[in-house]
Protein backbone atom coordinates (compact mmCIF):
# COMPACT_ATOMS: atom_id res chain seq x y z
CA MET A 1 0.00 0.00 0.00
CA ASN A 2 1.16 3.49 -0.77
CA ALA A 3 1.63 5.63 2.28
CA GLN A 4 -0.63 8.65 2.33
CA ARG A 5 1.29 11.86 2.13
CA SER A 6 1.04 13.94 5.29
CA PRO A 7 -0.33 17.47 4.74
CA GLY A 8 2.32 18.85 7.07
CA THR A 9 2.30 20.73 10.34
CA PRO A 10 0.38 24.02 10.73
CA LEU A 11 3.66 25.93 10.64
CA THR A 12 4.66 24.21 7.41
CA LEU A 13 1.30 24.91 5.82
CA TYR A 14 1.51 28.55 6.86
CA ALA A 15 5.01 28.87 5.40
CA ARG A 16 3.89 27.40 2.10
CA SER A 17 0.76 29.52 1.85
CA ARG A 18 2.78 32.71 2.36
CA GLY A 19 5.64 31.67 0.08
CA LEU A 20 8.14 31.91 2.92
CA PRO A 21 10.74 29.62 1.27
CA LEU A 22 10.91 32.02 -1.69
CA THR A 23 11.03 34.97 0.70
CA ALA A 24 13.95 33.45 2.57
CA ALA A 25 15.73 32.80 -0.73
CA ALA A 26 15.17 36.42 -1.78
CA LEU A 27 16.59 37.69 1.52
CA ALA A 28 19.63 35.46 1.11
CA CYS A 29 20.20 36.75 -2.43
CA ALA A 30 19.90 40.35 -1.22
CA ALA A 31 22.47 39.68 1.50
CA LEU A 32 24.89 38.02 -0.93
CA LEU A 33 24.51 40.88 -3.41
CA THR A 34 25.13 43.36 -0.61
CA LEU A 35 28.23 41.50 0.50
CA TRP A 36 29.60 41.39 -3.04
CA VAL A 37 29.03 45.09 -3.72
CA ALA A 38 30.19 46.26 -0.28
CA SER A 39 33.41 44.28 -0.52
CA ARG A 40 34.54 45.92 -3.75
CA PRO A 41 37.65 48.08 -3.22
CA GLY A 42 36.08 51.42 -4.11
CA VAL A 43 33.07 50.92 -1.87
CA TYR A 44 35.12 49.50 0.98
CA LEU A 45 37.55 52.44 1.03
CA ASP A 46 34.95 55.17 0.52
CA PRO A 47 32.00 54.68 2.91
CA TYR A 48 29.95 57.39 1.16
CA ARG A 49 29.74 55.15 -1.91
CA ARG A 50 27.64 52.75 0.15
CA VAL A 51 24.70 55.15 0.25
CA PRO A 52 22.97 53.66 -2.86
CA LEU A 53 23.55 50.18 -1.42
CA LEU A 54 21.99 51.20 1.91
CA SER A 55 18.84 52.13 0.00
CA LEU A 56 18.69 49.31 -2.53
CA ALA A 57 19.29 46.38 -0.19
CA PRO A 58 16.53 47.31 2.31
CA LEU A 59 14.18 47.94 -0.63
CA LEU A 60 14.77 44.44 -1.98
CA ALA A 61 14.32 42.88 1.44
CA SER A 62 11.19 44.86 2.28
CA ALA A 63 9.65 44.05 -1.10
CA ALA A 64 10.14 40.33 -0.51
CA ILE A 65 8.66 40.61 2.98
CA GLY A 66 5.74 42.68 1.70
CA VAL A 67 4.78 40.17 -0.97
CA SER A 68 4.82 37.39 1.64
CA LEU A 69 2.01 39.19 3.49
CA HIS A 70 -0.46 38.20 0.78
CA SER A 71 -3.13 35.73 1.88
CA TYR A 72 -4.85 33.46 -0.64
CA ALA A 73 -7.69 32.67 1.77
CA ARG A 74 -8.42 35.95 3.52
CA ASP A 75 -12.05 34.96 4.17
CA LEU A 76 -10.87 31.91 6.09
CA ASP A 77 -8.41 34.03 8.05
CA ASP A 78 -11.13 36.48 9.06
CA THR A 79 -13.44 33.70 10.29
CA ALA A 80 -10.78 31.75 12.20
CA VAL A 81 -11.42 30.96 15.84
CA ARG A 82 -8.06 32.28 16.98
CA PRO A 83 -7.07 35.88 16.22
CA TRP A 84 -4.57 36.31 13.41
CA TRP A 85 -2.76 39.39 14.64
CA PRO A 86 -0.16 37.49 16.72
CA ARG A 87 0.76 35.39 13.68
CA ARG A 88 0.98 38.40 11.40
CA LEU A 89 3.13 40.21 13.95
CA ALA A 90 5.41 37.21 14.43
CA HIS A 91 5.63 36.86 10.65
CA LEU A 92 6.87 40.45 10.31
CA LEU A 93 9.19 40.38 13.31
CA VAL A 94 10.95 37.16 12.34
CA LEU A 95 11.48 38.13 8.70
CA THR A 96 12.59 41.64 9.61
CA ALA A 97 15.08 40.31 12.15
CA LEU A 98 16.50 37.90 9.57
CA ALA A 99 16.75 40.61 6.91
CA ALA A 100 18.34 43.17 9.24
CA ALA A 101 20.88 40.68 10.58
CA ALA A 102 21.82 39.35 7.15
CA LEU A 103 22.18 42.76 5.51
CA ALA A 104 24.01 44.32 8.46
CA SER A 105 26.53 41.49 8.54
CA ALA A 106 27.28 42.09 4.86
CA VAL A 107 28.24 45.76 5.33
CA PRO A 108 31.69 46.55 6.76
CA GLY A 109 32.54 49.72 8.59
CA GLN A 110 31.73 51.58 11.75
CA ALA A 111 28.51 53.21 12.88
CA GLU A 112 29.70 56.66 11.88
CA VAL A 113 30.46 55.75 8.26
CA PHE A 114 27.39 54.05 6.81
CA GLY A 115 28.01 50.71 8.47
CA ALA A 116 25.78 48.03 9.95
CA PRO A 117 23.66 50.37 12.14
CA ALA A 118 22.57 52.38 9.10
CA MET A 119 21.61 49.17 7.30
CA VAL A 120 19.56 47.95 10.28
CA ARG A 121 17.82 51.33 10.57
CA ASN A 122 16.97 51.49 6.87
CA THR A 123 15.70 47.91 6.88
CA LEU A 124 13.37 48.63 9.80
CA GLY A 125 12.05 51.78 8.16
CA ALA A 126 11.59 50.15 4.77
CA VAL A 127 9.73 47.17 6.22
CA GLY A 128 7.51 49.49 8.24
CA LEU A 129 6.59 51.52 5.16
CA THR A 130 5.96 48.37 3.15
CA ALA A 131 3.84 46.76 5.86
CA GLY A 132 1.70 49.88 6.11
CA ALA A 133 1.38 50.02 2.33
CA ALA A 134 0.21 46.39 2.29
CA VAL A 135 -2.78 47.41 4.39
CA LEU A 136 -3.67 50.24 2.02
CA CYS A 137 -2.57 48.93 -1.39
CA GLY A 138 -2.35 45.15 -1.00
CA ALA A 139 0.68 42.95 -0.51
CA ARG A 140 1.57 42.64 -4.19
CA ALA A 141 1.85 46.42 -4.62
CA SER A 142 3.24 47.16 -1.17
CA TRP A 143 6.75 47.76 -2.50
CA MET A 144 5.72 50.71 -4.68
CA PRO A 145 5.27 53.46 -2.02
CA THR A 146 8.52 52.47 -0.32
CA THR A 147 10.40 52.55 -3.61
CA LEU A 148 8.96 55.96 -4.50
CA TYR A 149 9.90 57.39 -1.11
CA PHE A 150 13.44 56.00 -1.05
CA SER A 151 14.01 57.09 -4.66
CA GLY A 152 12.77 60.60 -3.94
CA VAL A 153 14.94 60.91 -0.85
CA TYR A 154 18.01 59.64 -2.67
CA LEU A 155 17.53 61.97 -5.65
CA SER A 156 16.93 64.98 -3.42
CA GLY A 157 19.84 64.12 -1.13
CA ALA A 158 22.29 66.03 -3.32
CA SER A 159 20.93 69.28 -1.91
CA PRO A 160 22.86 70.34 1.24
CA ARG A 161 19.69 71.85 2.68
CA VAL A 162 17.75 68.62 2.27
CA ARG A 163 20.59 66.45 3.52
CA ARG A 164 20.53 68.23 6.88
CA GLU A 165 16.85 67.43 7.42
CA THR A 166 17.19 64.18 9.37
CA VAL A 167 13.46 63.63 9.67
CA LEU A 168 12.91 63.71 5.92
CA THR A 169 16.12 62.07 4.74
CA TRP A 170 16.70 59.50 7.46
CA PRO A 171 17.77 56.79 4.94
CA LEU A 172 20.76 58.96 3.95
CA GLN A 173 22.10 59.52 7.47
CA THR A 174 25.35 57.84 8.41
CA GLY A 175 23.94 55.74 11.25
CA PRO A 176 23.96 57.04 14.82
CA GLN A 177 21.65 60.08 14.45
CA PRO A 178 18.82 59.80 17.03
CA GLY A 179 16.36 61.62 14.78
CA ALA A 180 16.86 59.19 11.91
CA TRP A 181 16.47 56.21 14.24
CA ALA A 182 13.32 57.71 15.76
CA VAL A 183 11.70 58.04 12.33
CA ALA A 184 12.67 54.54 11.23
CA LEU A 185 11.48 52.93 14.47
CA THR A 186 8.22 54.88 14.37
CA LEU A 187 7.56 53.72 10.81
CA PHE A 188 8.35 50.13 11.72
CA VAL A 189 6.16 50.07 14.82
CA ALA A 190 3.25 51.85 13.12
CA GLY A 191 3.41 49.77 9.94
CA SER A 192 3.77 46.48 11.79
CA ALA A 193 0.90 47.31 14.12
CA LEU A 194 -1.41 48.24 11.25
CA CYS A 195 -0.53 45.10 9.32
CA ALA A 196 -0.88 42.86 12.37
CA VAL A 197 -4.32 44.23 13.25
CA TYR A 198 -5.85 44.62 9.80
CA GLY A 199 -3.77 42.39 7.57
CA ALA A 200 -2.92 43.08 3.94
CA ARG A 201 -5.70 44.47 1.78
CA PRO A 202 -7.63 41.64 0.06
CA GLU A 203 -6.78 41.25 -3.60
CA GLY A 204 -8.36 39.37 -6.46
CA PRO A 205 -6.64 36.44 -8.22
CA ARG A 206 -3.93 37.16 -10.71
CA GLY A 207 -5.02 37.43 -14.29
């Protein structure tokens, strides 16, 4: 007799339904790409050349995390006996911790010169923006507002007047500025809370 295939544990089923294996692979690729770019001689010797990397890597990681927030059975989630917000919150916290640790470990340098603290800060802020956007726009489009914001900040960062505004240009700060950290942490807490309570906006099937 052929053995009946086990459907898997609840954790395994959850991971498959959210595409977490692909998300983990995307985070690993982002970390490897970061390590390769950051280890190049020009970037290693000149910390200011890491600024584009400190924007791109968190964007890639937050986009992967945002897409994983999509639920294919939102109606079943809403009618479940147990509340879903602890699972959504754990989902975000675990993936964000993995992304921040992986990207920070791939960036050399000290806190004052666009090192690991700046990467952690930007990852937290990017994930917070993306999580909040998932509630408003849906998980599949959650990366768009974050990309627009980071792109606008990076393009406007050439202005000395704009660069000094920590609250507006926190992704461009070197790392230890309290104002930049306050903005990033506020975005992460607010976005994670919204996503945990309300979940990603329901979306129709792909065409």
